[in-house]
Amino acid sequence: MAGIVDGKSYKMIASDLFVSIDTVRTHIKNIYKTLEINSKAELIRKSYYNEL
């Protein structure tokens, strides 16, 4: 999640973690589902207000 909040693209996150972009997308989708959010903006807001 830190990569997204820091403004990194999925491609950059995949490169940092040595995984495919599809893997990053899958994990992000699962994180959004778990947190019951639908966008990066909501994730950043929750992170900013320490709601994670």
C-alpha atoms as a PDB file:
ATOM      1  CA  MET A   1       0.000   0.000   0.000  1.00  0.00           C
ATOM      2  CA  ALA A   2       2.863   2.370   0.689  1.00  0.00           C
ATOM      3  CA  GLY A   3       3.749   2.375  -2.993  1.00  0.00           C
ATOM      4  CA  ILE A   4       0.286   3.528  -3.983  1.00  0.00           C
ATOM      5  CA  VAL A   5       0.111   6.170  -1.272  1.00  0.00           C
ATOM      6  CA  ASP A   6       3.562   7.406  -2.353  1.00  0.00           C
ATOM      7  CA  GLY A   7       2.218   7.872  -5.877  1.00  0.00           C
ATOM      8  CA  LYS A   8       4.003   4.994  -7.577  1.00  0.00           C
ATOM      9  CA  SER A   9       2.454   3.399 -10.641  1.00  0.00           C
ATOM     10  CA  TYR A  10       1.599  -0.295 -10.733  1.00  0.00           C
ATOM     11  CA  LYS A  11       4.550  -0.778 -13.095  1.00  0.00           C
ATOM     12  CA  MET A  12       6.945   0.847 -10.623  1.00  0.00           C
ATOM     13  CA  ILE A  13       5.573  -1.203  -7.723  1.00  0.00           C
ATOM     14  CA  ALA A  14       5.909  -4.409  -9.771  1.00  0.00           C
ATOM     15  CA  SER A  15       9.499  -3.543 -10.618  1.00  0.00           C
ATOM     16  CA  ASP A  16      10.365  -2.786  -6.974  1.00  0.00           C
ATOM     17  CA  LEU A  17       8.855  -6.088  -5.816  1.00  0.00           C
ATOM     18  CA  PHE A  18      10.061  -8.204  -8.784  1.00  0.00           C
ATOM     19  CA  VAL A  19       6.528  -9.347  -9.669  1.00  0.00           C
ATOM     20  CA  SER A  20       4.265  -8.828 -12.686  1.00  0.00           C
ATOM     21  CA  ILE A  21       1.900  -5.901 -13.076  1.00  0.00           C
ATOM     22  CA  ASP A  22      -1.007  -8.378 -13.049  1.00  0.00           C
ATOM     23  CA  THR A  23       0.121  -9.610  -9.626  1.00  0.00           C
ATOM     24  CA  VAL A  24       0.149  -6.038  -8.332  1.00  0.00           C
ATOM     25  CA  ARG A  25      -3.341  -5.416  -9.766  1.00  0.00           C
ATOM     26  CA  THR A  26      -4.675  -8.572  -8.120  1.00  0.00           C
ATOM     27  CA  HIS A  27      -3.263  -7.641  -4.733  1.00  0.00           C
ATOM     28  CA  ILE A  28      -4.532  -4.064  -5.002  1.00  0.00           C
ATOM     29  CA  LYS A  29      -7.993  -5.367  -5.919  1.00  0.00           C
ATOM     30  CA  ASN A  30      -7.961  -7.633  -2.857  1.00  0.00           C
ATOM     31  CA  ILE A  31      -6.797  -4.786  -0.605  1.00  0.00           C
ATOM     32  CA  TYR A  32      -9.600  -2.535  -1.875  1.00  0.00           C
ATOM     33  CA  LYS A  33     -12.129  -5.312  -1.243  1.00  0.00           C
ATOM     34  CA  THR A  34     -10.846  -5.926   2.286  1.00  0.00           C
ATOM     35  CA  LEU A  35     -10.880  -2.214   3.135  1.00  0.00           C
ATOM     36  CA  GLU A  36     -14.263  -1.762   1.422  1.00  0.00           C
ATOM     37  CA  ILE A  37     -13.004   1.054  -0.805  1.00  0.00           C
ATOM     38  CA  ASN A  38     -13.138   1.668  -4.561  1.00  0.00           C
ATOM     39  CA  SER A  39     -10.317   4.041  -5.473  1.00  0.00           C
ATOM     40  CA  LYS A  40      -6.788   5.234  -4.799  1.00  0.00           C
ATOM     41  CA  ALA A  41      -8.216   8.449  -3.401  1.00  0.00           C
ATOM     42  CA  GLU A  42     -10.096   6.543  -0.693  1.00  0.00           C
ATOM     43  CA  LEU A  43      -6.964   4.529   0.120  1.00  0.00           C
ATOM     44  CA  ILE A  44      -4.889   7.700   0.429  1.00  0.00           C
ATOM     45  CA  ARG A  45      -7.564   9.324   2.624  1.00  0.00           C
ATOM     46  CA  LYS A  46      -7.654   6.292   4.943  1.00  0.00           C
ATOM     47  CA  SER A  47      -3.865   6.279   5.086  1.00  0.00           C
ATOM     48  CA  TYR A  48      -3.726  10.018   5.813  1.00  0.00           C
ATOM     49  CA  TYR A  49      -6.187   9.713   8.693  1.00  0.00           C
ATOM     50  CA  ASN A  50      -4.553   6.515  10.041  1.00  0.00           C
ATOM     51  CA  GLU A  51      -7.690   4.449   9.431  1.00  0.00           C
ATOM     52  CA  LEU A  52      -5.830   1.392   8.167  1.00  0.00           C
END
